[in-house]
Amino acid sequence: MSRTVLVTGASTGIGRATALLLAREGFTVHAGVRKEADGEALGPGVLPLILDVTDAGHIARAAERVTRLDALVNVAGVGVTGPLEFLPLDTLRWQYEVNVFGQIALTQAMLPKLRATRGRVVTVGSVGGWITLPFGGPLCSSKHAIRSLNDALRMELSPWGMRAVLIEPGSIHTDAVDKLEGEVEPRLASLGAEGRQLYGTAYRTMVAAGLKEERSGSSPDVVARAVHHALTSPRPHARYPVGKKSRLLSTLGRLLPQYTLDRLRLRALGLS
């Protein structure tokens, strides 16, 4: 019997690459997308499923439609950046609604099906779970949160022989890079005159350095291959650092004294 997997965030980037790779490898793939056109663009090898992880109705319908499930791959996410002093709290809440609460809500809905098959939960986090960048507090803190929650889930599911695995990409070149560039000025506009005066130059500098790094990053396919290994290996790793600088940054985040790490981060982003 073909193994059945649900991949969220499959419209673009890592989610799309993962859905297509797993379909080629013989999985029955339900691909969570937010628009019908995105599902059609994936081709006939996958089963598109309209799924916004912040929508309880979408989650309930997905749980009804997917009758058997061997694996859930949580990819859907958004990236919010900006100075915390002026960041609207609703924007910060939205970061967590998608990257944390939405992922957990979908996982809760699918766990009974996964327990029946001794299935696996694979979540795509980030090396940002280990190392926070200036102006990256919203995004990086959400990745810290999902790393901690995945640690708890991994231990809690072990009595049933189930695995919860975390994928931690470094620099990955996806369409989200170009999207971030287009969000710079609207984000600054939302800060108000004082926020733009205090942080505008530094924020633009940080984003420019980050975009340069991401555009030279690894292909989303490296993440897709790590997901495939996590789903098929008899003994998958608890965490998979993948992509450009993933191991370096996670190691620095764990080992370096904080003020030393601060200086390195600011210098790397042109903010020293």
C-alpha atoms as a PDB file:
ATOM      1  CA  MET A   1       0.000   0.000   0.000  1.00  0.00           C
ATOM      2  CA  SER A   2       1.296   3.458  -0.943  1.00  0.00           C
ATOM      3  CA  ARG A   3       2.109   5.602   2.067  1.00  0.00           C
ATOM      4  CA  THR A   4      -0.080   8.688   2.381  1.00  0.00           C
ATOM      5  CA  VAL A   5       1.347  12.053   3.402  1.00  0.00           C
ATOM      6  CA  LEU A   6      -0.102  15.528   3.917  1.00  0.00           C
ATOM      7  CA  VAL A   7       2.276  18.379   3.075  1.00  0.00           C
ATOM      8  CA  THR A   8       1.229  21.903   4.054  1.00  0.00           C
ATOM      9  CA  GLY A   9       2.447  25.094   2.402  1.00  0.00           C
ATOM     10  CA  ALA A  10       2.811  23.272  -0.919  1.00  0.00           C
ATOM     11  CA  SER A  11       2.098  26.230  -3.195  1.00  0.00           C
ATOM     12  CA  THR A  12       5.716  27.357  -3.445  1.00  0.00           C
ATOM     13  CA  GLY A  13       9.254  26.857  -2.199  1.00  0.00           C
ATOM     14  CA  ILE A  14      10.071  24.099   0.257  1.00  0.00           C
ATOM     15  CA  GLY A  15       6.505  22.779   0.476  1.00  0.00           C
ATOM     16  CA  ARG A  16       6.153  22.517  -3.292  1.00  0.00           C
ATOM     17  CA  ALA A  17       9.548  20.825  -3.690  1.00  0.00           C
ATOM     18  CA  THR A  18       8.679  18.364  -0.920  1.00  0.00           C
ATOM     19  CA  ALA A  19       5.265  17.466  -2.320  1.00  0.00           C
ATOM     20  CA  LEU A  20       6.657  16.853  -5.803  1.00  0.00           C
ATOM     21  CA  LEU A  21       9.615  14.789  -4.570  1.00  0.00           C
ATOM     22  CA  LEU A  22       7.441  12.573  -2.368  1.00  0.00           C
ATOM     23  CA  ALA A  23       5.004  12.030  -5.240  1.00  0.00           C
ATOM     24  CA  ARG A  24       7.892  10.930  -7.471  1.00  0.00           C
ATOM     25  CA  GLU A  25       9.013   8.551  -4.733  1.00  0.00           C
ATOM     26  CA  GLY A  26       5.661   6.795  -4.697  1.00  0.00           C
ATOM     27  CA  PHE A  27       3.834   8.507  -1.837  1.00  0.00           C
ATOM     28  CA  THR A  28       0.189   9.436  -2.127  1.00  0.00           C
ATOM     29  CA  VAL A  29       0.526  13.170  -1.516  1.00  0.00           C
ATOM     30  CA  HIS A  30      -2.176  15.487  -0.253  1.00  0.00           C
ATOM     31  CA  ALA A  31      -0.786  18.971  -0.904  1.00  0.00           C
ATOM     32  CA  GLY A  32      -2.138  21.798   1.239  1.00  0.00           C
ATOM     33  CA  VAL A  33      -2.501  24.993  -0.810  1.00  0.00           C
ATOM     34  CA  ARG A  34      -4.470  28.199  -0.353  1.00  0.00           C
ATOM     35  CA  LYS A  35      -5.587  28.703  -3.964  1.00  0.00           C
ATOM     36  CA  GLU A  36      -7.030  26.256  -6.473  1.00  0.00           C
ATOM     37  CA  ALA A  37      -4.645  27.513  -9.163  1.00  0.00           C
ATOM     38  CA  ASP A  38      -1.664  26.612  -6.959  1.00  0.00           C
ATOM     39  CA  GLY A  39      -3.003  23.082  -6.604  1.00  0.00           C
ATOM     40  CA  GLU A  40      -3.501  22.718 -10.343  1.00  0.00           C
ATOM     41  CA  ALA A  41       0.046  23.931 -10.964  1.00  0.00           C
ATOM     42  CA  LEU A  42       1.424  20.982  -8.976  1.00  0.00           C
ATOM     43  CA  GLY A  43       0.292  18.602 -11.719  1.00  0.00           C
ATOM     44  CA  PRO A  44      -1.567  15.301 -11.685  1.00  0.00           C
ATOM     45  CA  GLY A  45       0.847  13.501  -9.349  1.00  0.00           C
ATOM     46  CA  VAL A  46      -0.519  15.132  -6.191  1.00  0.00           C
ATOM     47  CA  LEU A  47      -3.935  15.659  -4.607  1.00  0.00           C
ATOM     48  CA  PRO A  48      -4.437  19.369  -3.878  1.00  0.00           C
ATOM     49  CA  LEU A  49      -6.268  20.306  -0.714  1.00  0.00           C
ATOM     50  CA  ILE A  50      -7.371  23.855   0.118  1.00  0.00           C
ATOM     51  CA  LEU A  51      -5.831  24.355   3.552  1.00  0.00           C
ATOM     52  CA  ASP A  52      -5.147  27.480   5.579  1.00  0.00           C
ATOM     53  CA  VAL A  53      -3.673  26.237   8.864  1.00  0.00           C
ATOM     54  CA  THR A  54      -5.174  29.213  10.712  1.00  0.00           C
ATOM     55  CA  ASP A  55      -8.699  28.239   9.613  1.00  0.00           C
ATOM     56  CA  ALA A  56     -10.381  25.694  11.918  1.00  0.00           C
ATOM     57  CA  GLY A  57     -12.915  24.848   9.221  1.00  0.00           C
ATOM     58  CA  HIS A  58     -10.171  24.045   6.715  1.00  0.00           C
ATOM     59  CA  ILE A  59      -8.460  21.799   9.263  1.00  0.00           C
ATOM     60  CA  ALA A  60     -11.692  19.942  10.066  1.00  0.00           C
ATOM     61  CA  ARG A  61     -12.429  19.356   6.375  1.00  0.00           C
ATOM     62  CA  ALA A  62      -8.868  18.134   5.795  1.00  0.00           C
ATOM     63  CA  ALA A  63      -9.247  15.653   8.653  1.00  0.00           C
ATOM     64  CA  GLU A  64     -12.459  14.343   7.064  1.00  0.00           C
ATOM     65  CA  ARG A  65     -11.016  14.084   3.564  1.00  0.00           C
ATOM     66  CA  VAL A  66      -7.730  12.366   4.473  1.00  0.00           C
ATOM     67  CA  THR A  67      -8.984   9.021   5.711  1.00  0.00           C
ATOM     68  CA  ARG A  68      -5.591   7.335   6.073  1.00  0.00           C
ATOM     69  CA  LEU A  69      -2.392   9.155   6.991  1.00  0.00           C
ATOM     70  CA  ASP A  70       1.140   7.843   7.371  1.00  0.00           C
ATOM     71  CA  ALA A  71       2.898  11.184   7.706  1.00  0.00           C
ATOM     72  CA  LEU A  72       2.253  14.880   8.243  1.00  0.00           C
ATOM     73  CA  VAL A  73       4.810  17.380   6.939  1.00  0.00           C
ATOM     74  CA  ASN A  74       4.321  20.847   8.442  1.00  0.00           C
ATOM     75  CA  VAL A  75       5.827  23.400   6.073  1.00  0.00           C
ATOM     76  CA  ALA A  76       3.322  26.279   5.972  1.00  0.00           C
ATOM     77  CA  GLY A  77       4.745  29.440   7.467  1.00  0.00           C
ATOM     78  CA  VAL A  78       5.212  33.181   7.141  1.00  0.00           C
ATOM     79  CA  GLY A  79       8.114  35.467   7.984  1.00  0.00           C
ATOM     80  CA  VAL A  80       7.575  38.743   9.831  1.00  0.00           C
ATOM     81  CA  THR A  81      10.478  41.112  10.437  1.00  0.00           C
ATOM     82  CA  GLY A  82      10.789  44.548  11.987  1.00  0.00           C
ATOM     83  CA  PRO A  83      11.921  46.435  15.104  1.00  0.00           C
ATOM     84  CA  LEU A  84      10.113  45.172  18.178  1.00  0.00           C
ATOM     85  CA  GLU A  85       9.673  48.685  19.558  1.00  0.00           C
ATOM     86  CA  PHE A  86       7.210  49.548  16.791  1.00  0.00           C
ATOM     87  CA  LEU A  87       5.950  46.152  15.661  1.00  0.00           C
ATOM     88  CA  PRO A  88       2.118  46.049  15.816  1.00  0.00           C
ATOM     89  CA  LEU A  89       1.067  43.348  18.250  1.00  0.00           C
ATOM     90  CA  ASP A  90      -1.497  42.019  15.770  1.00  0.00           C
ATOM     91  CA  THR A  91       1.380  41.432  13.336  1.00  0.00           C
ATOM     92  CA  LEU A  92       3.303  39.514  15.993  1.00  0.00           C
ATOM     93  CA  ARG A  93       0.187  37.478  16.789  1.00  0.00           C
ATOM     94  CA  TRP A  94      -0.214  36.638  13.093  1.00  0.00           C
ATOM     95  CA  GLN A  95       3.368  35.329  13.019  1.00  0.00           C
ATOM     96  CA  TYR A  96       2.513  32.901  15.803  1.00  0.00           C
ATOM     97  CA  GLU A  97      -0.947  32.036  14.455  1.00  0.00           C
ATOM     98  CA  VAL A  98       0.625  30.612  11.293  1.00  0.00           C
ATOM     99  CA  ASN A  99       4.020  29.302  12.401  1.00  0.00           C
ATOM    100  CA  VAL A 100       3.059  27.923  15.808  1.00  0.00           C
ATOM    101  CA  PHE A 101      -0.654  27.687  16.601  1.00  0.00           C
ATOM    102  CA  GLY A 102      -1.669  26.709  13.079  1.00  0.00           C
ATOM    103  CA  GLN A 103       0.918  23.935  12.910  1.00  0.00           C
ATOM    104  CA  ILE A 104      -0.062  22.590  16.317  1.00  0.00           C
ATOM    105  CA  ALA A 105      -3.791  22.750  15.516  1.00  0.00           C
ATOM    106  CA  LEU A 106      -3.304  20.709  12.349  1.00  0.00           C
ATOM    107  CA  THR A 107      -1.011  18.246  14.121  1.00  0.00           C
ATOM    108  CA  GLN A 108      -3.597  17.721  16.864  1.00  0.00           C
ATOM    109  CA  ALA A 109      -6.285  17.026  14.267  1.00  0.00           C
ATOM    110  CA  MET A 110      -4.140  14.467  12.436  1.00  0.00           C
ATOM    111  CA  LEU A 111      -2.552  12.623  15.360  1.00  0.00           C
ATOM    112  CA  PRO A 112      -5.369  10.031  15.780  1.00  0.00           C
ATOM    113  CA  LYS A 113      -4.899   9.018  12.132  1.00  0.00           C
ATOM    114  CA  LEU A 114      -1.125   8.938  12.538  1.00  0.00           C
ATOM    115  CA  ARG A 115      -1.353   6.824  15.677  1.00  0.00           C
ATOM    116  CA  ALA A 116      -3.369   4.247  13.746  1.00  0.00           C
ATOM    117  CA  THR A 117      -0.483   3.856  11.260  1.00  0.00           C
ATOM    118  CA  ARG A 118       2.385   4.559  13.690  1.00  0.00           C
ATOM    119  CA  GLY A 119       3.051   7.492  11.428  1.00  0.00           C
ATOM    120  CA  ARG A 120       5.451  10.415  11.612  1.00  0.00           C
ATOM    121  CA  VAL A 121       5.254  14.166  12.057  1.00  0.00           C
ATOM    122  CA  VAL A 122       7.946  16.130  10.231  1.00  0.00           C
ATOM    123  CA  THR A 123       8.079  19.865  10.858  1.00  0.00           C
ATOM    124  CA  VAL A 124      10.157  22.374   8.927  1.00  0.00           C
ATOM    125  CA  GLY A 125      11.608  24.839  11.405  1.00  0.00           C
ATOM    126  CA  SER A 126      14.710  26.936  10.836  1.00  0.00           C
ATOM    127  CA  VAL A 127      18.265  27.493  11.962  1.00  0.00           C
ATOM    128  CA  GLY A 128      16.672  30.687  13.311  1.00  0.00           C
ATOM    129  CA  GLY A 129      15.486  28.505  16.153  1.00  0.00           C
ATOM    130  CA  TRP A 130      19.077  28.595  17.408  1.00  0.00           C
ATOM    131  CA  ILE A 131      20.270  32.044  16.384  1.00  0.00           C
ATOM    132  CA  THR A 132      18.171  35.223  16.372  1.00  0.00           C
ATOM    133  CA  LEU A 133      18.889  38.129  14.046  1.00  0.00           C
ATOM    134  CA  PRO A 134      18.203  41.808  14.725  1.00  0.00           C
ATOM    135  CA  PHE A 135      14.771  42.705  13.347  1.00  0.00           C
ATOM    136  CA  GLY A 136      14.129  38.964  13.037  1.00  0.00           C
ATOM    137  CA  GLY A 137      12.636  38.572  16.499  1.00  0.00           C
ATOM    138  CA  PRO A 138       9.102  37.632  15.356  1.00  0.00           C
ATOM    139  CA  LEU A 139      10.213  34.974  12.878  1.00  0.00           C
ATOM    140  CA  CYS A 140      13.110  33.563  14.895  1.00  0.00           C
ATOM    141  CA  SER A 141      11.122  33.409  18.125  1.00  0.00           C
ATOM    142  CA  SER A 142       8.385  31.431  16.365  1.00  0.00           C
ATOM    143  CA  LYS A 143      11.051  28.946  15.252  1.00  0.00           C
ATOM    144  CA  HIS A 144      12.377  28.753  18.826  1.00  0.00           C
ATOM    145  CA  ALA A 145       8.840  27.955  19.958  1.00  0.00           C
ATOM    146  CA  ILE A 146       8.221  25.247  17.378  1.00  0.00           C
ATOM    147  CA  ARG A 147      11.587  23.632  18.203  1.00  0.00           C
ATOM    148  CA  SER A 148      10.624  23.378  21.875  1.00  0.00           C
ATOM    149  CA  LEU A 149       7.143  22.085  21.067  1.00  0.00           C
ATOM    150  CA  ASN A 150       8.597  19.487  18.710  1.00  0.00           C
ATOM    151  CA  ASP A 151      10.933  18.293  21.476  1.00  0.00           C
ATOM    152  CA  ALA A 152       7.921  17.752  23.730  1.00  0.00           C
ATOM    153  CA  LEU A 153       5.938  16.045  20.977  1.00  0.00           C
ATOM    154  CA  ARG A 154       8.827  13.707  20.139  1.00  0.00           C
ATOM    155  CA  MET A 155       8.937  12.405  23.716  1.00  0.00           C
ATOM    156  CA  GLU A 156       5.170  12.272  24.160  1.00  0.00           C
ATOM    157  CA  LEU A 157       4.621  10.185  21.013  1.00  0.00           C
ATOM    158  CA  SER A 158       7.420   7.706  21.671  1.00  0.00           C
ATOM    159  CA  PRO A 159       5.231   5.197  23.619  1.00  0.00           C
ATOM    160  CA  TRP A 160       3.347   4.471  20.360  1.00  0.00           C
ATOM    161  CA  GLY A 161       6.496   4.087  18.261  1.00  0.00           C
ATOM    162  CA  MET A 162       5.792   7.386  16.516  1.00  0.00           C
ATOM    163  CA  ARG A 163       8.449   9.894  15.466  1.00  0.00           C
ATOM    164  CA  ALA A 164       8.395  13.694  15.518  1.00  0.00           C
ATOM    165  CA  VAL A 165      11.255  15.124  13.475  1.00  0.00           C
ATOM    166  CA  LEU A 166      12.427  18.709  13.005  1.00  0.00           C
ATOM    167  CA  ILE A 167      14.066  19.940   9.795  1.00  0.00           C
ATOM    168  CA  GLU A 168      16.235  23.047  10.331  1.00  0.00           C
ATOM    169  CA  PRO A 169      17.101  24.766   7.037  1.00  0.00           C
ATOM    170  CA  GLY A 170      19.794  27.398   6.750  1.00  0.00           C
ATOM    171  CA  SER A 171      19.871  29.731   3.745  1.00  0.00           C
ATOM    172  CA  ILE A 172      17.401  28.454   1.140  1.00  0.00           C
ATOM    173  CA  HIS A 173      16.655  30.290  -2.105  1.00  0.00           C
ATOM    174  CA  THR A 174      12.881  30.392  -2.600  1.00  0.00           C
ATOM    175  CA  ASP A 175      10.290  32.806  -3.969  1.00  0.00           C
ATOM    176  CA  ALA A 176       9.891  34.148  -0.438  1.00  0.00           C
ATOM    177  CA  VAL A 177      13.165  36.026  -0.913  1.00  0.00           C
ATOM    178  CA  ASP A 178      11.700  38.245  -3.617  1.00  0.00           C
ATOM    179  CA  LYS A 179       8.510  38.645  -1.605  1.00  0.00           C
ATOM    180  CA  LEU A 180      10.502  39.944   1.376  1.00  0.00           C
ATOM    181  CA  GLU A 181      12.148  42.574  -0.799  1.00  0.00           C
ATOM    182  CA  GLY A 182       8.754  43.906  -1.827  1.00  0.00           C
ATOM    183  CA  GLU A 183       7.626  44.104   1.810  1.00  0.00           C
ATOM    184  CA  VAL A 184      10.433  46.388   3.026  1.00  0.00           C
ATOM    185  CA  GLU A 185       8.859  49.762   2.328  1.00  0.00           C
ATOM    186  CA  PRO A 186       5.316  48.748   3.405  1.00  0.00           C
ATOM    187  CA  ARG A 187       6.796  47.406   6.645  1.00  0.00           C
ATOM    188  CA  LEU A 188       8.649  50.680   7.237  1.00  0.00           C
ATOM    189  CA  ALA A 189       5.506  52.654   6.443  1.00  0.00           C
ATOM    190  CA  SER A 190       3.668  50.730   9.156  1.00  0.00           C
ATOM    191  CA  LEU A 191       6.202  51.888  11.765  1.00  0.00           C
ATOM    192  CA  GLY A 192       5.176  55.534  11.598  1.00  0.00           C
ATOM    193  CA  ALA A 193       7.437  58.554  11.232  1.00  0.00           C
ATOM    194  CA  GLU A 194       9.359  57.995  14.469  1.00  0.00           C
ATOM    195  CA  GLY A 195       9.948  54.311  13.755  1.00  0.00           C
ATOM    196  CA  ARG A 196      11.233  55.061  10.257  1.00  0.00           C
ATOM    197  CA  GLN A 197      13.566  57.731  11.604  1.00  0.00           C
ATOM    198  CA  LEU A 198      14.995  55.500  14.308  1.00  0.00           C
ATOM    199  CA  TYR A 199      15.244  52.208  12.441  1.00  0.00           C
ATOM    200  CA  GLY A 200      14.764  52.807   8.720  1.00  0.00           C
ATOM    201  CA  THR A 201      18.399  52.782   7.648  1.00  0.00           C
ATOM    202  CA  ALA A 202      19.368  49.809   9.817  1.00  0.00           C
ATOM    203  CA  TYR A 203      16.326  47.792   8.726  1.00  0.00           C
ATOM    204  CA  ARG A 204      17.025  48.363   5.033  1.00  0.00           C
ATOM    205  CA  THR A 205      20.670  47.386   5.592  1.00  0.00           C
ATOM    206  CA  MET A 206      19.692  44.187   7.386  1.00  0.00           C
ATOM    207  CA  VAL A 207      17.207  43.168   4.707  1.00  0.00           C
ATOM    208  CA  ALA A 208      19.701  43.837   1.895  1.00  0.00           C
ATOM    209  CA  ALA A 209      22.319  41.646   3.596  1.00  0.00           C
ATOM    210  CA  GLY A 210      19.766  38.931   4.305  1.00  0.00           C
ATOM    211  CA  LEU A 211      18.498  38.910   0.717  1.00  0.00           C
ATOM    212  CA  LYS A 212      22.030  38.571  -0.608  1.00  0.00           C
ATOM    213  CA  GLU A 213      22.607  35.571   1.655  1.00  0.00           C
ATOM    214  CA  GLU A 214      19.317  33.883   0.776  1.00  0.00           C
ATOM    215  CA  ARG A 215      19.754  34.363  -2.977  1.00  0.00           C
ATOM    216  CA  SER A 216      23.027  32.435  -2.786  1.00  0.00           C
ATOM    217  CA  GLY A 217      21.402  29.781  -0.615  1.00  0.00           C
ATOM    218  CA  SER A 218      20.685  26.137  -1.286  1.00  0.00           C
ATOM    219  CA  SER A 219      17.863  24.798  -3.419  1.00  0.00           C
ATOM    220  CA  PRO A 220      14.596  23.829  -1.685  1.00  0.00           C
ATOM    221  CA  ASP A 221      15.306  20.334  -3.006  1.00  0.00           C
ATOM    222  CA  VAL A 222      17.885  19.767  -0.240  1.00  0.00           C
ATOM    223  CA  VAL A 223      15.135  20.241   2.328  1.00  0.00           C
ATOM    224  CA  ALA A 224      12.794  17.962   0.392  1.00  0.00           C
ATOM    225  CA  ARG A 225      15.429  15.218   0.401  1.00  0.00           C
ATOM    226  CA  ALA A 226      15.874  15.594   4.174  1.00  0.00           C
ATOM    227  CA  VAL A 227      12.114  15.238   4.627  1.00  0.00           C
ATOM    228  CA  HIS A 228      12.158  12.108   2.488  1.00  0.00           C
ATOM    229  CA  HIS A 229      14.926  10.607   4.647  1.00  0.00           C
ATOM    230  CA  ALA A 230      13.002  11.502   7.809  1.00  0.00           C
ATOM    231  CA  LEU A 231       9.946   9.672   6.452  1.00  0.00           C
ATOM    232  CA  THR A 232      11.672   6.557   5.131  1.00  0.00           C
ATOM    233  CA  SER A 233      14.614   5.879   7.449  1.00  0.00           C
ATOM    234  CA  PRO A 234      14.021   3.196  10.098  1.00  0.00           C
ATOM    235  CA  ARG A 235      15.899   5.453  12.543  1.00  0.00           C
ATOM    236  CA  PRO A 236      15.417   9.086  11.481  1.00  0.00           C
ATOM    237  CA  HIS A 237      17.400  11.833  13.154  1.00  0.00           C
ATOM    238  CA  ALA A 238      15.652  13.978  15.749  1.00  0.00           C
ATOM    239  CA  ARG A 239      16.799  17.080  13.843  1.00  0.00           C
ATOM    240  CA  TYR A 240      18.138  17.671  10.348  1.00  0.00           C
ATOM    241  CA  PRO A 241      20.252  20.805   9.795  1.00  0.00           C
ATOM    242  CA  VAL A 242      20.198  21.258   6.002  1.00  0.00           C
ATOM    243  CA  GLY A 243      21.226  23.859   3.486  1.00  0.00           C
ATOM    244  CA  LYS A 244      23.883  26.539   3.393  1.00  0.00           C
ATOM    245  CA  LYS A 245      25.400  27.448   6.791  1.00  0.00           C
ATOM    246  CA  SER A 246      22.813  25.481   8.746  1.00  0.00           C
ATOM    247  CA  ARG A 247      25.337  23.541  10.819  1.00  0.00           C
ATOM    248  CA  LEU A 248      27.617  26.550  11.279  1.00  0.00           C
ATOM    249  CA  LEU A 249      24.887  28.881  12.501  1.00  0.00           C
ATOM    250  CA  SER A 250      23.217  26.368  14.807  1.00  0.00           C
ATOM    251  CA  THR A 251      26.614  25.536  16.351  1.00  0.00           C
ATOM    252  CA  LEU A 252      27.520  29.200  16.840  1.00  0.00           C
ATOM    253  CA  GLY A 253      24.127  29.834  18.391  1.00  0.00           C
ATOM    254  CA  ARG A 254      24.700  27.086  20.952  1.00  0.00           C
ATOM    255  CA  LEU A 255      28.359  27.623  21.822  1.00  0.00           C
ATOM    256  CA  LEU A 256      29.426  31.249  21.530  1.00  0.00           C
ATOM    257  CA  PRO A 257      29.061  33.744  24.398  1.00  0.00           C
ATOM    258  CA  GLN A 258      26.102  35.990  23.664  1.00  0.00           C
ATOM    259  CA  TYR A 259      27.923  39.306  23.365  1.00  0.00           C
ATOM    260  CA  THR A 260      30.477  37.743  21.031  1.00  0.00           C
ATOM    261  CA  LEU A 261      27.634  36.325  18.974  1.00  0.00           C
ATOM    262  CA  ASP A 262      25.938  39.742  18.960  1.00  0.00           C
ATOM    263  CA  ARG A 263      29.026  41.355  17.440  1.00  0.00           C
ATOM    264  CA  LEU A 264      29.297  38.654  14.780  1.00  0.00           C
ATOM    265  CA  ARG A 265      25.648  38.983  13.816  1.00  0.00           C
ATOM    266  CA  LEU A 266      25.715  42.768  13.599  1.00  0.00           C
ATOM    267  CA  ARG A 267      28.927  42.740  11.554  1.00  0.00           C
ATOM    268  CA  ALA A 268      27.610  40.111   9.159  1.00  0.00           C
ATOM    269  CA  LEU A 269      24.520  42.256   8.506  1.00  0.00           C
ATOM    270  CA  GLY A 270      26.480  45.483   8.061  1.00  0.00           C
ATOM    271  CA  LEU A 271      25.159  46.931  11.320  1.00  0.00           C
ATOM    272  CA  SER A 272      28.319  47.106  13.425  1.00  0.00           C
END
